[in-house]
Amino acid sequence: MFDKWQKYTVVFFSVLMLCLPGFSIYAQTAKHIVVIDPAHGGEDTGVLSIDKVAEKDLTLAIAFALQKELAKEGNIEVVLTRNSDKTLHGDERKKNIVKQNPALVLSLHANGGFGRNASGFELYYPGFKDVDVSKKAAKGFVVTSSNKHLNDTVKLAHLVQRNLDSLFPRKGRGLREAGVPLAEGLSIPVLVVELGFATNPDDKKKLASGKTQTLIARALAKSIKSFF
């Protein structure tokens, strides 16, 4: 039989273990919410390939494949901004994102233009140009609560670039700092991934292939898992 001091000791250490990060109930059950945004949809077809395959269909198919890959992870919950072929305006997408309070947003696109020879993937992220210059340090930006998400976005971009480079060697067109309307007003990492050119016959063939869609999804899932 425990005396009262032994009982107090057991209670004390039980509470202490629950408070430690590695043992907390929260740490065991919490999930990272990831929003996957299949661009376009419904009346907004996006880019049309040479044989009229719509960007909206390619992005949704790859989003479903990515959702399936990430569903294997016990600590990641995936939410799609759309899960059907419906028209969804930018403000509606953003409203859905804010409602979910996600850890990050990955917006999937297919590129177009620059002639039929243009090929490869590109990554777009909101940059630091609008950050208050007073927050600059001698060797770059000070990581603060107001711009940490921008640093995290760059981190995510490099991970995605590396994994897509492994899948599509010499097809990377670089990381591009640009305005991302979907990211405006949000303090979370938002990365736009242009997965290939629907107007390029070879790129379009790959993007429309179920096998390649799965490989793309695995590369993106690996990037997201590495990010966390």
C-alpha atoms as a PDB file:
ATOM      1  CA  MET A   1       0.000   0.000   0.000  1.00  0.00           C
ATOM      2  CA  PHE A   2       1.249   3.466  -0.864  1.00  0.00           C
ATOM      3  CA  ASP A   3       1.452   5.943   1.963  1.00  0.00           C
ATOM      4  CA  LYS A   4       0.165   9.427   1.254  1.00  0.00           C
ATOM      5  CA  TRP A   5       3.595  10.752   0.243  1.00  0.00           C
ATOM      6  CA  GLN A   6       4.022   7.991  -2.309  1.00  0.00           C
ATOM      7  CA  LYS A   7       0.582   8.791  -3.689  1.00  0.00           C
ATOM      8  CA  TYR A   8       1.468  12.476  -3.955  1.00  0.00           C
ATOM      9  CA  THR A   9       4.694  11.550  -5.741  1.00  0.00           C
ATOM     10  CA  VAL A  10       2.865   9.385  -8.270  1.00  0.00           C
ATOM     11  CA  VAL A  11       0.326  12.153  -8.944  1.00  0.00           C
ATOM     12  CA  PHE A  12       3.073  14.762  -9.293  1.00  0.00           C
ATOM     13  CA  PHE A  13       5.064  12.786 -11.859  1.00  0.00           C
ATOM     14  CA  SER A  14       1.916  11.821 -13.757  1.00  0.00           C
ATOM     15  CA  VAL A  15       1.009  15.481 -14.166  1.00  0.00           C
ATOM     16  CA  LEU A  16       4.597  16.331 -15.091  1.00  0.00           C
ATOM     17  CA  MET A  17       4.682  13.711 -17.847  1.00  0.00           C
ATOM     18  CA  LEU A  18       1.454  15.056 -19.328  1.00  0.00           C
ATOM     19  CA  CYS A  19       2.914  18.554 -19.384  1.00  0.00           C
ATOM     20  CA  LEU A  20       6.051  17.510 -21.280  1.00  0.00           C
ATOM     21  CA  PRO A  21       5.828  18.054 -25.075  1.00  0.00           C
ATOM     22  CA  GLY A  22       6.575  14.448 -25.901  1.00  0.00           C
ATOM     23  CA  PHE A  23       3.939  13.094 -23.563  1.00  0.00           C
ATOM     24  CA  SER A  24       1.126  15.586 -23.758  1.00  0.00           C
ATOM     25  CA  ILE A  25      -2.247  14.361 -24.892  1.00  0.00           C
ATOM     26  CA  TYR A  26      -2.406  17.301 -27.273  1.00  0.00           C
ATOM     27  CA  ALA A  27       0.875  16.359 -28.925  1.00  0.00           C
ATOM     28  CA  GLN A  28      -0.383  12.828 -29.457  1.00  0.00           C
ATOM     29  CA  THR A  29      -3.699  13.847 -31.021  1.00  0.00           C
ATOM     30  CA  ALA A  30      -3.055  17.204 -32.750  1.00  0.00           C
ATOM     31  CA  LYS A  31      -3.086  17.245 -36.543  1.00  0.00           C
ATOM     32  CA  HIS A  32      -1.606  19.644 -39.040  1.00  0.00           C
ATOM     33  CA  ILE A  33      -4.374  20.952 -41.282  1.00  0.00           C
ATOM     34  CA  VAL A  34      -3.240  21.308 -44.884  1.00  0.00           C
ATOM     35  CA  VAL A  35      -5.391  23.014 -47.513  1.00  0.00           C
ATOM     36  CA  ILE A  36      -4.934  21.865 -51.091  1.00  0.00           C
ATOM     37  CA  ASP A  37      -6.344  24.287 -53.639  1.00  0.00           C
ATOM     38  CA  PRO A  38      -7.111  22.804 -57.080  1.00  0.00           C
ATOM     39  CA  ALA A  39      -7.095  25.949 -59.206  1.00  0.00           C
ATOM     40  CA  HIS A  40     -10.054  27.030 -61.336  1.00  0.00           C
ATOM     41  CA  GLY A  41     -13.238  24.942 -61.647  1.00  0.00           C
ATOM     42  CA  GLY A  42     -16.728  25.119 -63.137  1.00  0.00           C
ATOM     43  CA  GLU A  43     -17.072  27.975 -65.605  1.00  0.00           C
ATOM     44  CA  ASP A  44     -13.419  28.843 -65.054  1.00  0.00           C
ATOM     45  CA  THR A  45     -11.616  26.191 -67.096  1.00  0.00           C
ATOM     46  CA  GLY A  46      -8.152  27.656 -66.696  1.00  0.00           C
ATOM     47  CA  VAL A  47      -5.633  26.844 -69.422  1.00  0.00           C
ATOM     48  CA  LEU A  48      -6.829  24.577 -72.230  1.00  0.00           C
ATOM     49  CA  SER A  49      -4.368  22.105 -73.718  1.00  0.00           C
ATOM     50  CA  ILE A  50      -3.957  21.577 -77.445  1.00  0.00           C
ATOM     51  CA  ASP A  51      -6.585  18.828 -77.289  1.00  0.00           C
ATOM     52  CA  LYS A  52      -8.881  20.887 -75.038  1.00  0.00           C
ATOM     53  CA  VAL A  53      -8.083  19.163 -71.734  1.00  0.00           C
ATOM     54  CA  ALA A  54      -8.842  21.788 -69.086  1.00  0.00           C
ATOM     55  CA  GLU A  55      -6.462  22.888 -66.348  1.00  0.00           C
ATOM     56  CA  LYS A  56      -9.337  22.668 -63.848  1.00  0.00           C
ATOM     57  CA  ASP A  57      -9.579  18.892 -64.419  1.00  0.00           C
ATOM     58  CA  LEU A  58      -5.847  18.293 -64.146  1.00  0.00           C
ATOM     59  CA  THR A  59      -5.519  20.211 -60.884  1.00  0.00           C
ATOM     60  CA  LEU A  60      -8.500  18.437 -59.309  1.00  0.00           C
ATOM     61  CA  ALA A  61      -7.195  14.994 -60.263  1.00  0.00           C
ATOM     62  CA  ILE A  62      -3.767  15.742 -58.774  1.00  0.00           C
ATOM     63  CA  ALA A  63      -5.379  17.252 -55.657  1.00  0.00           C
ATOM     64  CA  PHE A  64      -7.334  14.027 -55.116  1.00  0.00           C
ATOM     65  CA  ALA A  65      -4.146  11.991 -55.550  1.00  0.00           C
ATOM     66  CA  LEU A  66      -2.312  14.218 -53.052  1.00  0.00           C
ATOM     67  CA  GLN A  67      -5.171  13.960 -50.573  1.00  0.00           C
ATOM     68  CA  LYS A  68      -4.961  10.174 -50.848  1.00  0.00           C
ATOM     69  CA  GLU A  69      -1.208  10.204 -50.213  1.00  0.00           C
ATOM     70  CA  LEU A  70      -1.440  12.471 -47.174  1.00  0.00           C
ATOM     71  CA  ALA A  71      -4.342  10.454 -45.743  1.00  0.00           C
ATOM     72  CA  LYS A  72      -1.725   7.823 -44.918  1.00  0.00           C
ATOM     73  CA  GLU A  73      -0.231  10.209 -42.358  1.00  0.00           C
ATOM     74  CA  GLY A  74      -1.853  10.118 -38.950  1.00  0.00           C
ATOM     75  CA  ASN A  75      -0.879  13.690 -38.079  1.00  0.00           C
ATOM     76  CA  ILE A  76      -2.066  15.464 -41.252  1.00  0.00           C
ATOM     77  CA  GLU A  77      -5.624  16.401 -42.149  1.00  0.00           C
ATOM     78  CA  VAL A  78      -6.250  17.489 -45.739  1.00  0.00           C
ATOM     79  CA  VAL A  79      -8.981  19.896 -46.808  1.00  0.00           C
ATOM     80  CA  LEU A  80      -9.656  20.721 -50.476  1.00  0.00           C
ATOM     81  CA  THR A  81     -10.976  24.130 -51.457  1.00  0.00           C
ATOM     82  CA  ARG A  82     -13.122  22.263 -53.977  1.00  0.00           C
ATOM     83  CA  ASN A  83     -13.796  18.568 -54.469  1.00  0.00           C
ATOM     84  CA  SER A  84     -15.917  18.827 -57.613  1.00  0.00           C
ATOM     85  CA  ASP A  85     -16.083  20.755 -60.871  1.00  0.00           C
ATOM     86  CA  LYS A  86     -17.658  23.919 -59.515  1.00  0.00           C
ATOM     87  CA  THR A  87     -17.015  27.607 -59.978  1.00  0.00           C
ATOM     88  CA  LEU A  88     -15.183  28.992 -56.972  1.00  0.00           C
ATOM     89  CA  HIS A  89     -14.120  32.628 -56.839  1.00  0.00           C
ATOM     90  CA  GLY A  90     -11.017  33.843 -55.053  1.00  0.00           C
ATOM     91  CA  ASP A  91     -12.858  35.361 -52.109  1.00  0.00           C
ATOM     92  CA  GLU A  92     -14.741  32.082 -51.579  1.00  0.00           C
ATOM     93  CA  ARG A  93     -11.494  30.121 -51.601  1.00  0.00           C
ATOM     94  CA  LYS A  94      -9.942  32.478 -49.095  1.00  0.00           C
ATOM     95  CA  LYS A  95     -13.019  32.345 -46.852  1.00  0.00           C
ATOM     96  CA  ASN A  96     -12.804  28.553 -46.816  1.00  0.00           C
ATOM     97  CA  ILE A  97      -9.099  28.698 -46.009  1.00  0.00           C
ATOM     98  CA  VAL A  98      -9.567  31.119 -43.102  1.00  0.00           C
ATOM     99  CA  LYS A  99     -12.321  28.893 -41.728  1.00  0.00           C
ATOM    100  CA  GLN A 100      -9.964  25.908 -41.612  1.00  0.00           C
ATOM    101  CA  ASN A 101      -7.077  27.786 -39.951  1.00  0.00           C
ATOM    102  CA  PRO A 102      -4.523  25.578 -41.755  1.00  0.00           C
ATOM    103  CA  ALA A 103      -0.790  25.220 -41.251  1.00  0.00           C
ATOM    104  CA  LEU A 104      -0.160  25.775 -44.971  1.00  0.00           C
ATOM    105  CA  VAL A 105      -1.843  26.104 -48.365  1.00  0.00           C
ATOM    106  CA  LEU A 106      -0.679  24.497 -51.598  1.00  0.00           C
ATOM    107  CA  SER A 107      -2.376  25.860 -54.717  1.00  0.00           C
ATOM    108  CA  LEU A 108      -2.089  23.594 -57.770  1.00  0.00           C
ATOM    109  CA  HIS A 109      -2.001  24.992 -61.316  1.00  0.00           C
ATOM    110  CA  ALA A 110      -1.024  24.048 -64.858  1.00  0.00           C
ATOM    111  CA  ASN A 111       0.814  26.642 -66.913  1.00  0.00           C
ATOM    112  CA  GLY A 112       0.192  27.902 -70.429  1.00  0.00           C
ATOM    113  CA  GLY A 113       1.552  30.224 -73.061  1.00  0.00           C
ATOM    114  CA  PHE A 114       5.062  31.085 -74.322  1.00  0.00           C
ATOM    115  CA  GLY A 115       4.496  28.783 -77.314  1.00  0.00           C
ATOM    116  CA  ARG A 116       4.235  25.024 -77.437  1.00  0.00           C
ATOM    117  CA  ASN A 117       7.904  24.575 -76.558  1.00  0.00           C
ATOM    118  CA  ALA A 118       7.622  26.078 -73.061  1.00  0.00           C
ATOM    119  CA  SER A 119       7.925  23.274 -70.526  1.00  0.00           C
ATOM    120  CA  GLY A 120       8.584  22.583 -66.854  1.00  0.00           C
ATOM    121  CA  PHE A 121       7.341  23.527 -63.413  1.00  0.00           C
ATOM    122  CA  GLU A 122       7.461  26.838 -61.549  1.00  0.00           C
ATOM    123  CA  LEU A 123       6.857  27.844 -57.944  1.00  0.00           C
ATOM    124  CA  TYR A 124       5.399  31.188 -56.906  1.00  0.00           C
ATOM    125  CA  TYR A 125       5.416  32.625 -53.402  1.00  0.00           C
ATOM    126  CA  PRO A 126       4.666  36.020 -51.848  1.00  0.00           C
ATOM    127  CA  GLY A 127       7.947  37.751 -51.105  1.00  0.00           C
ATOM    128  CA  PHE A 128       9.337  40.137 -48.524  1.00  0.00           C
ATOM    129  CA  LYS A 129       9.015  43.329 -50.550  1.00  0.00           C
ATOM    130  CA  ASP A 130       6.048  44.535 -48.501  1.00  0.00           C
ATOM    131  CA  VAL A 131       7.701  43.812 -45.142  1.00  0.00           C
ATOM    132  CA  ASP A 132       8.610  46.907 -43.129  1.00  0.00           C
ATOM    133  CA  VAL A 133      12.260  47.744 -43.884  1.00  0.00           C
ATOM    134  CA  SER A 134      12.776  48.524 -40.206  1.00  0.00           C
ATOM    135  CA  LYS A 135      12.593  44.773 -39.622  1.00  0.00           C
ATOM    136  CA  LYS A 136      15.637  44.116 -41.803  1.00  0.00           C
ATOM    137  CA  ALA A 137      18.780  42.832 -40.195  1.00  0.00           C
ATOM    138  CA  ALA A 138      22.337  43.135 -41.448  1.00  0.00           C
ATOM    139  CA  LYS A 139      22.182  39.683 -43.034  1.00  0.00           C
ATOM    140  CA  GLY A 140      18.526  39.641 -44.044  1.00  0.00           C
ATOM    141  CA  PHE A 141      15.149  39.808 -42.397  1.00  0.00           C
ATOM    142  CA  VAL A 142      14.447  39.373 -38.736  1.00  0.00           C
ATOM    143  CA  VAL A 143      12.069  36.464 -38.272  1.00  0.00           C
ATOM    144  CA  THR A 144       9.122  37.914 -36.384  1.00  0.00           C
ATOM    145  CA  SER A 145       5.579  36.779 -35.746  1.00  0.00           C
ATOM    146  CA  SER A 146       4.489  39.021 -38.612  1.00  0.00           C
ATOM    147  CA  ASN A 147       6.753  37.551 -41.295  1.00  0.00           C
ATOM    148  CA  LYS A 148       7.631  34.054 -40.091  1.00  0.00           C
ATOM    149  CA  HIS A 149       5.091  32.623 -42.536  1.00  0.00           C
ATOM    150  CA  LEU A 150       7.089  34.137 -45.397  1.00  0.00           C
ATOM    151  CA  ASN A 151      10.229  32.349 -44.246  1.00  0.00           C
ATOM    152  CA  ASP A 152       8.198  29.157 -43.899  1.00  0.00           C
ATOM    153  CA  THR A 153       6.835  29.617 -47.416  1.00  0.00           C
ATOM    154  CA  VAL A 154      10.355  29.803 -48.816  1.00  0.00           C
ATOM    155  CA  LYS A 155      11.259  26.694 -46.831  1.00  0.00           C
ATOM    156  CA  LEU A 156       8.268  24.848 -48.306  1.00  0.00           C
ATOM    157  CA  ALA A 157       9.120  26.099 -51.808  1.00  0.00           C
ATOM    158  CA  HIS A 158      12.639  24.689 -51.610  1.00  0.00           C
ATOM    159  CA  LEU A 159      11.330  21.320 -50.436  1.00  0.00           C
ATOM    160  CA  VAL A 160       8.807  21.143 -53.280  1.00  0.00           C
ATOM    161  CA  GLN A 161      11.437  22.238 -55.793  1.00  0.00           C
ATOM    162  CA  ARG A 162      13.849  19.547 -54.644  1.00  0.00           C
ATOM    163  CA  ASN A 163      11.279  16.747 -54.816  1.00  0.00           C
ATOM    164  CA  LEU A 164       9.841  17.818 -58.173  1.00  0.00           C
ATOM    165  CA  ASP A 165      13.407  18.104 -59.511  1.00  0.00           C
ATOM    166  CA  SER A 166      13.855  14.442 -58.626  1.00  0.00           C
ATOM    167  CA  LEU A 167      10.699  13.585 -60.554  1.00  0.00           C
ATOM    168  CA  PHE A 168      11.282  15.939 -63.501  1.00  0.00           C
ATOM    169  CA  PRO A 169      15.073  16.403 -63.869  1.00  0.00           C
ATOM    170  CA  ARG A 170      16.149  19.662 -65.529  1.00  0.00           C
ATOM    171  CA  LYS A 171      12.523  20.784 -65.786  1.00  0.00           C
ATOM    172  CA  GLY A 172      12.539  23.254 -62.905  1.00  0.00           C
ATOM    173  CA  ARG A 173      12.018  26.860 -63.995  1.00  0.00           C
ATOM    174  CA  GLY A 174      12.872  28.259 -60.602  1.00  0.00           C
ATOM    175  CA  LEU A 175      11.305  29.866 -57.544  1.00  0.00           C
ATOM    176  CA  ARG A 176       9.546  33.109 -58.358  1.00  0.00           C
ATOM    177  CA  GLU A 177       8.707  35.844 -55.888  1.00  0.00           C
ATOM    178  CA  ALA A 178       5.438  37.399 -56.998  1.00  0.00           C
ATOM    179  CA  GLY A 179       2.094  38.624 -55.806  1.00  0.00           C
ATOM    180  CA  VAL A 180      -0.148  35.715 -54.818  1.00  0.00           C
ATOM    181  CA  PRO A 181      -3.759  36.931 -54.506  1.00  0.00           C
ATOM    182  CA  LEU A 182      -4.745  33.837 -52.507  1.00  0.00           C
ATOM    183  CA  ALA A 183      -2.143  34.725 -49.871  1.00  0.00           C
ATOM    184  CA  GLU A 184      -3.173  38.347 -49.371  1.00  0.00           C
ATOM    185  CA  GLY A 185      -4.150  39.000 -45.778  1.00  0.00           C
ATOM    186  CA  LEU A 186      -3.123  35.514 -44.636  1.00  0.00           C
ATOM    187  CA  SER A 187      -0.282  34.869 -42.193  1.00  0.00           C
ATOM    188  CA  ILE A 188       0.346  31.274 -43.236  1.00  0.00           C
ATOM    189  CA  PRO A 189       2.577  29.727 -45.909  1.00  0.00           C
ATOM    190  CA  VAL A 190       0.826  29.846 -49.297  1.00  0.00           C
ATOM    191  CA  LEU A 191       2.687  28.319 -52.239  1.00  0.00           C
ATOM    192  CA  VAL A 192       1.508  28.231 -55.869  1.00  0.00           C
ATOM    193  CA  VAL A 193       2.794  25.259 -57.858  1.00  0.00           C
ATOM    194  CA  GLU A 194       2.624  25.442 -61.654  1.00  0.00           C
ATOM    195  CA  LEU A 195       3.107  21.739 -62.308  1.00  0.00           C
ATOM    196  CA  GLY A 196       3.774  21.933 -66.038  1.00  0.00           C
ATOM    197  CA  PHE A 197       2.575  23.492 -69.286  1.00  0.00           C
ATOM    198  CA  ALA A 198      -0.774  22.181 -70.481  1.00  0.00           C
ATOM    199  CA  THR A 199       0.064  23.851 -73.806  1.00  0.00           C
ATOM    200  CA  ASN A 200       3.145  21.646 -74.216  1.00  0.00           C
ATOM    201  CA  PRO A 201       2.318  18.188 -75.665  1.00  0.00           C
ATOM    202  CA  ASP A 202       4.802  16.296 -73.462  1.00  0.00           C
ATOM    203  CA  ASP A 203       3.929  18.169 -70.268  1.00  0.00           C
ATOM    204  CA  LYS A 204       0.211  17.760 -70.897  1.00  0.00           C
ATOM    205  CA  LYS A 205       0.598  14.024 -71.533  1.00  0.00           C
ATOM    206  CA  LYS A 206       2.370  13.637 -68.195  1.00  0.00           C
ATOM    207  CA  LEU A 207      -0.096  15.788 -66.278  1.00  0.00           C
ATOM    208  CA  ALA A 208      -3.023  13.812 -67.684  1.00  0.00           C
ATOM    209  CA  SER A 209      -1.451  10.445 -66.863  1.00  0.00           C
ATOM    210  CA  GLY A 210      -2.841   8.760 -63.764  1.00  0.00           C
ATOM    211  CA  LYS A 211       0.581   7.242 -63.067  1.00  0.00           C
ATOM    212  CA  THR A 212       2.344  10.603 -63.254  1.00  0.00           C
ATOM    213  CA  GLN A 213      -0.371  12.253 -61.175  1.00  0.00           C
ATOM    214  CA  THR A 214       0.364   9.725 -58.432  1.00  0.00           C
ATOM    215  CA  LEU A 215       4.102  10.397 -58.679  1.00  0.00           C
ATOM    216  CA  ILE A 216       3.499  14.158 -58.466  1.00  0.00           C
ATOM    217  CA  ALA A 217       1.261  13.620 -55.458  1.00  0.00           C
ATOM    218  CA  ARG A 218       3.962  11.566 -53.738  1.00  0.00           C
ATOM    219  CA  ALA A 219       6.578  14.251 -54.396  1.00  0.00           C
ATOM    220  CA  LEU A 220       4.308  16.953 -52.987  1.00  0.00           C
ATOM    221  CA  ALA A 221       3.323  14.781 -50.015  1.00  0.00           C
ATOM    222  CA  LYS A 222       6.997  14.129 -49.257  1.00  0.00           C
ATOM    223  CA  SER A 223       7.619  17.870 -49.310  1.00  0.00           C
ATOM    224  CA  ILE A 224       4.762  18.583 -46.923  1.00  0.00           C
ATOM    225  CA  LYS A 225       5.839  15.835 -44.517  1.00  0.00           C
ATOM    226  CA  SER A 226       9.395  17.168 -44.547  1.00  0.00           C
ATOM    227  CA  PHE A 227       8.089  20.663 -43.863  1.00  0.00           C
ATOM    228  CA  PHE A 228       6.485  19.514 -40.609  1.00  0.00           C
END
